[in-house]
């Protein structure tokens, strides 16, 4: 059995696809490559890789829709490649389910380091006992969470964000701190956190526009109150 981590690269630019694939193979990765979203969609239905690297603009099924398809069945890490560097484009990619993004042109070593960081973040850790914090119950061993008696359907990143918040009740958490602790980034775009906080609020707040659990502290970050605040 091949124990090398398997990365699927979906990129329509033949030069980028070949250079990235050759580099990663030489670095010890198992690589599969596709030039359009339709072929990648079929391949993902049969064999899910350890990590997906996908270009945002693709023939056939686009990168955003490919991410959404993956997220219906899997929490594998996804890194999106994009030639569009503005904030709104990056936010759109993150909202579709990507965990990270890299703007073209990029350094091959940086891509590999980001891939390795994502795999570490998604790797199972030592199980801990379930615990309760206010209205929330967390089962770290199985990466599950409940609000009251209702289980919350969370992606891996949303679960990691909620767990970090639950572990720091009442503290003001800056976006830079969250990037470091949840994403493992020393440098990154704080809008990444904004997107995931918004997605998490949609799943835990009675009214996401007026949060009672995960509130914004303007100019400082976020404060999590597990019992809720009227």
C-alpha atoms as a PDB file:
ATOM      1  CA  UNK A   1       0.000   0.000   0.000  1.00  0.00           C
ATOM      2  CA  UNK A   2       1.296   3.449  -0.948  1.00  0.00           C
ATOM      3  CA  UNK A   3       1.655   5.512   2.251  1.00  0.00           C
ATOM      4  CA  UNK A   4       2.507   8.743   0.428  1.00  0.00           C
ATOM      5  CA  UNK A   5      -0.110  11.470   0.920  1.00  0.00           C
ATOM      6  CA  UNK A   6      -2.337  11.730  -2.147  1.00  0.00           C
ATOM      7  CA  UNK A   7      -2.943  15.182  -3.628  1.00  0.00           C
ATOM      8  CA  UNK A   8      -5.348  15.810  -6.482  1.00  0.00           C
ATOM      9  CA  UNK A   9      -4.442  18.822  -8.629  1.00  0.00           C
ATOM     10  CA  UNK A  10      -7.169  20.334 -10.819  1.00  0.00           C
ATOM     11  CA  UNK A  11      -5.643  23.002 -13.064  1.00  0.00           C
ATOM     12  CA  UNK A  12      -6.386  23.832 -16.705  1.00  0.00           C
ATOM     13  CA  UNK A  13      -3.030  25.521 -17.355  1.00  0.00           C
ATOM     14  CA  UNK A  14      -0.869  22.653 -18.625  1.00  0.00           C
ATOM     15  CA  UNK A  15       2.403  24.333 -17.623  1.00  0.00           C
ATOM     16  CA  UNK A  16       1.271  25.016 -14.045  1.00  0.00           C
ATOM     17  CA  UNK A  17      -0.231  21.523 -13.745  1.00  0.00           C
ATOM     18  CA  UNK A  18       2.945  19.821 -14.972  1.00  0.00           C
ATOM     19  CA  UNK A  19       5.389  21.921 -12.937  1.00  0.00           C
ATOM     20  CA  UNK A  20       3.405  21.543  -9.718  1.00  0.00           C
ATOM     21  CA  UNK A  21       2.847  17.821 -10.257  1.00  0.00           C
ATOM     22  CA  UNK A  22       6.516  17.098 -11.005  1.00  0.00           C
ATOM     23  CA  UNK A  23       7.652  19.128  -7.989  1.00  0.00           C
ATOM     24  CA  UNK A  24       5.320  17.372  -5.585  1.00  0.00           C
ATOM     25  CA  UNK A  25       6.157  13.902  -6.891  1.00  0.00           C
ATOM     26  CA  UNK A  26       9.842  14.674  -6.420  1.00  0.00           C
ATOM     27  CA  UNK A  27       9.002  15.765  -2.866  1.00  0.00           C
ATOM     28  CA  UNK A  28       7.341  12.454  -2.027  1.00  0.00           C
ATOM     29  CA  UNK A  29       3.671  13.025  -2.841  1.00  0.00           C
ATOM     30  CA  UNK A  30       1.312  10.754  -4.721  1.00  0.00           C
ATOM     31  CA  UNK A  31      -0.201  13.000  -7.393  1.00  0.00           C
ATOM     32  CA  UNK A  32      -3.256  12.765  -9.636  1.00  0.00           C
ATOM     33  CA  UNK A  33      -3.947  15.567 -12.104  1.00  0.00           C
ATOM     34  CA  UNK A  34      -6.966  16.810 -14.042  1.00  0.00           C
ATOM     35  CA  UNK A  35      -7.369  19.654 -16.491  1.00  0.00           C
ATOM     36  CA  UNK A  36     -11.086  20.328 -16.087  1.00  0.00           C
ATOM     37  CA  UNK A  37     -13.748  20.227 -13.420  1.00  0.00           C
ATOM     38  CA  UNK A  38     -15.897  17.548 -15.053  1.00  0.00           C
ATOM     39  CA  UNK A  39     -13.150  14.886 -15.026  1.00  0.00           C
ATOM     40  CA  UNK A  40     -12.152  15.865 -11.494  1.00  0.00           C
ATOM     41  CA  UNK A  41     -15.776  15.628 -10.354  1.00  0.00           C
ATOM     42  CA  UNK A  42     -16.026  12.062 -11.647  1.00  0.00           C
ATOM     43  CA  UNK A  43     -12.683  11.124 -10.068  1.00  0.00           C
ATOM     44  CA  UNK A  44     -13.662  12.584  -6.691  1.00  0.00           C
ATOM     45  CA  UNK A  45     -16.835  10.513  -6.736  1.00  0.00           C
ATOM     46  CA  UNK A  46     -14.723   7.355  -6.934  1.00  0.00           C
ATOM     47  CA  UNK A  47     -11.580   8.159  -4.959  1.00  0.00           C
ATOM     48  CA  UNK A  48     -11.210  11.008  -2.461  1.00  0.00           C
ATOM     49  CA  UNK A  49      -7.585  12.220  -2.066  1.00  0.00           C
ATOM     50  CA  UNK A  50      -5.944  13.361   1.161  1.00  0.00           C
ATOM     51  CA  UNK A  51      -5.908  16.958  -0.082  1.00  0.00           C
ATOM     52  CA  UNK A  52      -7.303  18.836  -3.072  1.00  0.00           C
ATOM     53  CA  UNK A  53      -5.539  21.686  -4.885  1.00  0.00           C
ATOM     54  CA  UNK A  54      -7.972  23.301  -7.306  1.00  0.00           C
ATOM     55  CA  UNK A  55      -7.862  26.272  -9.658  1.00  0.00           C
ATOM     56  CA  UNK A  56     -10.853  28.550  -9.261  1.00  0.00           C
ATOM     57  CA  UNK A  57     -11.414  29.143 -12.988  1.00  0.00           C
ATOM     58  CA  UNK A  58     -11.876  25.788 -14.744  1.00  0.00           C
ATOM     59  CA  UNK A  59     -13.515  24.435 -17.891  1.00  0.00           C
ATOM     60  CA  UNK A  60     -16.689  22.521 -17.096  1.00  0.00           C
ATOM     61  CA  UNK A  61     -17.485  22.499 -13.393  1.00  0.00           C
ATOM     62  CA  UNK A  62     -15.776  25.510 -11.801  1.00  0.00           C
ATOM     63  CA  UNK A  63     -13.528  25.422  -8.775  1.00  0.00           C
ATOM     64  CA  UNK A  64     -16.178  26.861  -6.436  1.00  0.00           C
ATOM     65  CA  UNK A  65     -18.739  24.222  -7.412  1.00  0.00           C
ATOM     66  CA  UNK A  66     -16.129  21.488  -7.139  1.00  0.00           C
ATOM     67  CA  UNK A  67     -15.411  22.606  -3.577  1.00  0.00           C
ATOM     68  CA  UNK A  68     -19.121  22.570  -2.732  1.00  0.00           C
ATOM     69  CA  UNK A  69     -19.416  19.049  -4.144  1.00  0.00           C
ATOM     70  CA  UNK A  70     -16.524  17.813  -2.015  1.00  0.00           C
ATOM     71  CA  UNK A  71     -17.988  19.433   1.090  1.00  0.00           C
ATOM     72  CA  UNK A  72     -21.200  17.407   0.743  1.00  0.00           C
ATOM     73  CA  UNK A  73     -19.299  14.230   1.590  1.00  0.00           C
ATOM     74  CA  UNK A  74     -15.813  15.050   2.879  1.00  0.00           C
ATOM     75  CA  UNK A  75     -13.813  17.368   5.129  1.00  0.00           C
ATOM     76  CA  UNK A  76     -10.514  16.890   3.285  1.00  0.00           C
ATOM     77  CA  UNK A  77      -8.412  20.064   3.144  1.00  0.00           C
ATOM     78  CA  UNK A  78      -8.838  22.149   0.002  1.00  0.00           C
ATOM     79  CA  UNK A  79      -6.386  24.760  -1.259  1.00  0.00           C
ATOM     80  CA  UNK A  80      -7.716  27.024  -3.989  1.00  0.00           C
ATOM     81  CA  UNK A  81      -5.449  28.562  -6.618  1.00  0.00           C
ATOM     82  CA  UNK A  82      -6.603  31.843  -8.086  1.00  0.00           C
ATOM     83  CA  UNK A  83      -5.320  34.526 -10.407  1.00  0.00           C
ATOM     84  CA  UNK A  84      -7.839  36.897  -8.808  1.00  0.00           C
ATOM     85  CA  UNK A  85      -6.278  38.484  -5.764  1.00  0.00           C
ATOM     86  CA  UNK A  86      -8.962  40.889  -4.542  1.00  0.00           C
ATOM     87  CA  UNK A  87     -10.619  40.258  -1.187  1.00  0.00           C
ATOM     88  CA  UNK A  88     -14.115  39.542  -2.505  1.00  0.00           C
ATOM     89  CA  UNK A  89     -12.816  36.831  -4.834  1.00  0.00           C
ATOM     90  CA  UNK A  90     -10.901  35.185  -1.990  1.00  0.00           C
ATOM     91  CA  UNK A  91     -13.913  35.369   0.308  1.00  0.00           C
ATOM     92  CA  UNK A  92     -16.080  33.742  -2.350  1.00  0.00           C
ATOM     93  CA  UNK A  93     -13.621  30.859  -2.623  1.00  0.00           C
ATOM     94  CA  UNK A  94     -13.537  30.373   1.137  1.00  0.00           C
ATOM     95  CA  UNK A  95     -17.324  30.443   1.324  1.00  0.00           C
ATOM     96  CA  UNK A  96     -17.491  27.626  -1.205  1.00  0.00           C
ATOM     97  CA  UNK A  97     -15.564  25.396   1.210  1.00  0.00           C
ATOM     98  CA  UNK A  98     -11.855  26.013   0.573  1.00  0.00           C
ATOM     99  CA  UNK A  99      -9.587  26.000   3.629  1.00  0.00           C
ATOM    100  CA  UNK A 100      -6.801  28.096   2.126  1.00  0.00           C
ATOM    101  CA  UNK A 101      -5.994  29.995  -1.046  1.00  0.00           C
ATOM    102  CA  UNK A 102      -2.891  30.888  -2.978  1.00  0.00           C
ATOM    103  CA  UNK A 103      -2.726  33.707  -5.518  1.00  0.00           C
ATOM    104  CA  UNK A 104      -0.868  33.097  -8.783  1.00  0.00           C
ATOM    105  CA  UNK A 105       2.017  33.311  -9.357  1.00  0.00           C
ATOM    106  CA  UNK A 106       3.139  31.369  -6.293  1.00  0.00           C
ATOM    107  CA  UNK A 107       6.268  29.625  -5.064  1.00  0.00           C
ATOM    108  CA  UNK A 108       6.168  25.835  -5.271  1.00  0.00           C
ATOM    109  CA  UNK A 109       7.722  25.538  -1.816  1.00  0.00           C
ATOM    110  CA  UNK A 110       5.011  27.755  -0.337  1.00  0.00           C
ATOM    111  CA  UNK A 111       2.305  25.561  -1.854  1.00  0.00           C
ATOM    112  CA  UNK A 112       3.925  22.457  -0.397  1.00  0.00           C
ATOM    113  CA  UNK A 113       4.275  24.045   3.059  1.00  0.00           C
ATOM    114  CA  UNK A 114       0.633  25.115   3.019  1.00  0.00           C
ATOM    115  CA  UNK A 115      -0.396  21.584   2.009  1.00  0.00           C
ATOM    116  CA  UNK A 116       1.622  20.091   4.840  1.00  0.00           C
ATOM    117  CA  UNK A 117       0.117  22.576   7.315  1.00  0.00           C
ATOM    118  CA  UNK A 118      -3.401  21.664   6.206  1.00  0.00           C
ATOM    119  CA  UNK A 119      -2.732  17.939   6.594  1.00  0.00           C
ATOM    120  CA  UNK A 120      -1.375  18.530  10.110  1.00  0.00           C
ATOM    121  CA  UNK A 121      -4.461  20.547  11.001  1.00  0.00           C
ATOM    122  CA  UNK A 122      -6.746  17.794   9.767  1.00  0.00           C
ATOM    123  CA  UNK A 123      -4.791  14.938  11.341  1.00  0.00           C
ATOM    124  CA  UNK A 124      -6.605  13.187  14.223  1.00  0.00           C
ATOM    125  CA  UNK A 125      -5.229  14.099  17.633  1.00  0.00           C
ATOM    126  CA  UNK A 126      -5.310  12.215  20.907  1.00  0.00           C
ATOM    127  CA  UNK A 127      -8.939  11.745  21.927  1.00  0.00           C
ATOM    128  CA  UNK A 128     -10.244  13.705  24.883  1.00  0.00           C
ATOM    129  CA  UNK A 129     -13.339  13.169  26.964  1.00  0.00           C
ATOM    130  CA  UNK A 130     -16.587  14.914  25.959  1.00  0.00           C
ATOM    131  CA  UNK A 131     -17.247  18.114  27.889  1.00  0.00           C
ATOM    132  CA  UNK A 132     -19.971  20.712  28.306  1.00  0.00           C
ATOM    133  CA  UNK A 133     -19.585  24.490  28.106  1.00  0.00           C
ATOM    134  CA  UNK A 134     -22.796  26.423  28.650  1.00  0.00           C
ATOM    135  CA  UNK A 135     -25.291  25.451  25.966  1.00  0.00           C
ATOM    136  CA  UNK A 136     -22.648  23.495  24.023  1.00  0.00           C
ATOM    137  CA  UNK A 137     -21.427  19.911  24.317  1.00  0.00           C
ATOM    138  CA  UNK A 138     -18.210  18.908  22.546  1.00  0.00           C
ATOM    139  CA  UNK A 139     -16.931  15.397  21.794  1.00  0.00           C
ATOM    140  CA  UNK A 140     -13.282  15.883  20.720  1.00  0.00           C
ATOM    141  CA  UNK A 141     -12.676  12.177  20.094  1.00  0.00           C
ATOM    142  CA  UNK A 142     -15.287  12.151  17.328  1.00  0.00           C
ATOM    143  CA  UNK A 143     -15.140  15.845  16.319  1.00  0.00           C
ATOM    144  CA  UNK A 144     -18.830  16.357  17.077  1.00  0.00           C
ATOM    145  CA  UNK A 145     -20.661  19.227  18.725  1.00  0.00           C
ATOM    146  CA  UNK A 146     -24.167  19.873  20.033  1.00  0.00           C
ATOM    147  CA  UNK A 147     -26.100  22.999  20.895  1.00  0.00           C
ATOM    148  CA  UNK A 148     -28.596  21.868  23.491  1.00  0.00           C
ATOM    149  CA  UNK A 149     -29.860  18.526  22.224  1.00  0.00           C
ATOM    150  CA  UNK A 150     -29.258  19.327  18.546  1.00  0.00           C
ATOM    151  CA  UNK A 151     -26.079  18.170  16.847  1.00  0.00           C
ATOM    152  CA  UNK A 152     -24.378  20.889  14.769  1.00  0.00           C
ATOM    153  CA  UNK A 153     -23.280  19.881  11.268  1.00  0.00           C
ATOM    154  CA  UNK A 154     -19.804  21.405  11.006  1.00  0.00           C
ATOM    155  CA  UNK A 155     -16.942  21.241   8.546  1.00  0.00           C
ATOM    156  CA  UNK A 156     -13.544  20.437  10.032  1.00  0.00           C
ATOM    157  CA  UNK A 157     -12.530  24.106  10.058  1.00  0.00           C
ATOM    158  CA  UNK A 158     -15.827  25.211  11.600  1.00  0.00           C
ATOM    159  CA  UNK A 159     -15.425  22.574  14.307  1.00  0.00           C
ATOM    160  CA  UNK A 160     -11.856  23.714  15.022  1.00  0.00           C
ATOM    161  CA  UNK A 161     -13.035  27.327  15.248  1.00  0.00           C
ATOM    162  CA  UNK A 162     -15.882  26.433  17.621  1.00  0.00           C
ATOM    163  CA  UNK A 163     -13.576  24.291  19.756  1.00  0.00           C
ATOM    164  CA  UNK A 164     -11.076  27.143  20.063  1.00  0.00           C
ATOM    165  CA  UNK A 165     -13.860  29.534  21.071  1.00  0.00           C
ATOM    166  CA  UNK A 166     -15.322  27.090  23.610  1.00  0.00           C
ATOM    167  CA  UNK A 167     -11.883  26.629  25.142  1.00  0.00           C
ATOM    168  CA  UNK A 168     -11.560  30.399  25.681  1.00  0.00           C
ATOM    169  CA  UNK A 169     -14.950  31.535  27.035  1.00  0.00           C
ATOM    170  CA  UNK A 170     -15.281  35.247  27.659  1.00  0.00           C
ATOM    171  CA  UNK A 171     -11.880  36.088  26.176  1.00  0.00           C
ATOM    172  CA  UNK A 172     -11.537  38.544  23.308  1.00  0.00           C
ATOM    173  CA  UNK A 173      -9.971  36.607  20.440  1.00  0.00           C
ATOM    174  CA  UNK A 174      -8.343  38.678  17.719  1.00  0.00           C
ATOM    175  CA  UNK A 175      -8.525  37.537  14.123  1.00  0.00           C
ATOM    176  CA  UNK A 176      -4.724  37.255  13.984  1.00  0.00           C
ATOM    177  CA  UNK A 177      -4.741  35.014  17.066  1.00  0.00           C
ATOM    178  CA  UNK A 178      -7.459  32.819  15.555  1.00  0.00           C
ATOM    179  CA  UNK A 179      -5.492  32.576  12.296  1.00  0.00           C
ATOM    180  CA  UNK A 180      -2.476  31.372  14.274  1.00  0.00           C
ATOM    181  CA  UNK A 181      -4.273  28.937  16.559  1.00  0.00           C
ATOM    182  CA  UNK A 182      -6.907  27.500  14.218  1.00  0.00           C
ATOM    183  CA  UNK A 183      -5.223  27.805  10.812  1.00  0.00           C
ATOM    184  CA  UNK A 184      -1.614  27.652  11.946  1.00  0.00           C
ATOM    185  CA  UNK A 185      -0.776  30.771   9.914  1.00  0.00           C
ATOM    186  CA  UNK A 186       1.708  33.365  11.104  1.00  0.00           C
ATOM    187  CA  UNK A 187       0.722  35.586   8.174  1.00  0.00           C
ATOM    188  CA  UNK A 188      -2.659  35.539   6.477  1.00  0.00           C
ATOM    189  CA  UNK A 189      -5.723  37.478   5.430  1.00  0.00           C
ATOM    190  CA  UNK A 190      -8.017  38.189   8.428  1.00  0.00           C
ATOM    191  CA  UNK A 191     -11.014  37.997   6.090  1.00  0.00           C
ATOM    192  CA  UNK A 192     -10.507  34.229   6.236  1.00  0.00           C
ATOM    193  CA  UNK A 193     -11.623  34.344   9.872  1.00  0.00           C
ATOM    194  CA  UNK A 194     -14.501  36.699   9.068  1.00  0.00           C
ATOM    195  CA  UNK A 195     -15.890  34.247   6.512  1.00  0.00           C
ATOM    196  CA  UNK A 196     -15.709  31.260   8.854  1.00  0.00           C
ATOM    197  CA  UNK A 197     -17.181  33.174  11.782  1.00  0.00           C
ATOM    198  CA  UNK A 198     -20.123  34.108   9.567  1.00  0.00           C
ATOM    199  CA  UNK A 199     -20.589  30.489   8.495  1.00  0.00           C
ATOM    200  CA  UNK A 200     -20.357  29.265  12.098  1.00  0.00           C
ATOM    201  CA  UNK A 201     -22.896  31.837  13.266  1.00  0.00           C
ATOM    202  CA  UNK A 202     -25.355  30.578  10.657  1.00  0.00           C
ATOM    203  CA  UNK A 203     -25.221  27.201  12.401  1.00  0.00           C
ATOM    204  CA  UNK A 204     -25.200  28.154  16.093  1.00  0.00           C
ATOM    205  CA  UNK A 205     -27.012  31.473  16.421  1.00  0.00           C
ATOM    206  CA  UNK A 206     -30.819  31.783  16.704  1.00  0.00           C
ATOM    207  CA  UNK A 207     -30.483  34.986  14.646  1.00  0.00           C
ATOM    208  CA  UNK A 208     -27.045  35.234  12.967  1.00  0.00           C
ATOM    209  CA  UNK A 209     -27.371  38.990  12.426  1.00  0.00           C
ATOM    210  CA  UNK A 210     -27.708  39.468  16.191  1.00  0.00           C
ATOM    211  CA  UNK A 211     -25.384  36.856  17.715  1.00  0.00           C
ATOM    212  CA  UNK A 212     -25.654  35.899  21.374  1.00  0.00           C
ATOM    213  CA  UNK A 213     -22.853  33.320  21.513  1.00  0.00           C
ATOM    214  CA  UNK A 214     -20.120  34.539  19.174  1.00  0.00           C
ATOM    215  CA  UNK A 215     -20.189  38.328  19.301  1.00  0.00           C
ATOM    216  CA  UNK A 216     -18.020  40.881  17.550  1.00  0.00           C
ATOM    217  CA  UNK A 217     -15.890  43.178  19.707  1.00  0.00           C
ATOM    218  CA  UNK A 218     -15.391  46.039  17.252  1.00  0.00           C
ATOM    219  CA  UNK A 219     -11.746  46.804  16.598  1.00  0.00           C
ATOM    220  CA  UNK A 220     -10.596  43.884  18.764  1.00  0.00           C
ATOM    221  CA  UNK A 221     -11.988  40.562  17.547  1.00  0.00           C
ATOM    222  CA  UNK A 222     -14.628  38.179  18.872  1.00  0.00           C
ATOM    223  CA  UNK A 223     -15.916  37.133  22.290  1.00  0.00           C
ATOM    224  CA  UNK A 224     -17.532  33.727  22.838  1.00  0.00           C
ATOM    225  CA  UNK A 225     -20.138  33.421  25.598  1.00  0.00           C
ATOM    226  CA  UNK A 226     -21.215  29.754  25.884  1.00  0.00           C
ATOM    227  CA  UNK A 227     -24.374  30.509  27.884  1.00  0.00           C
ATOM    228  CA  UNK A 228     -25.499  33.192  25.442  1.00  0.00           C
ATOM    229  CA  UNK A 229     -26.031  36.896  26.048  1.00  0.00           C
ATOM    230  CA  UNK A 230     -29.313  38.664  25.529  1.00  0.00           C
END
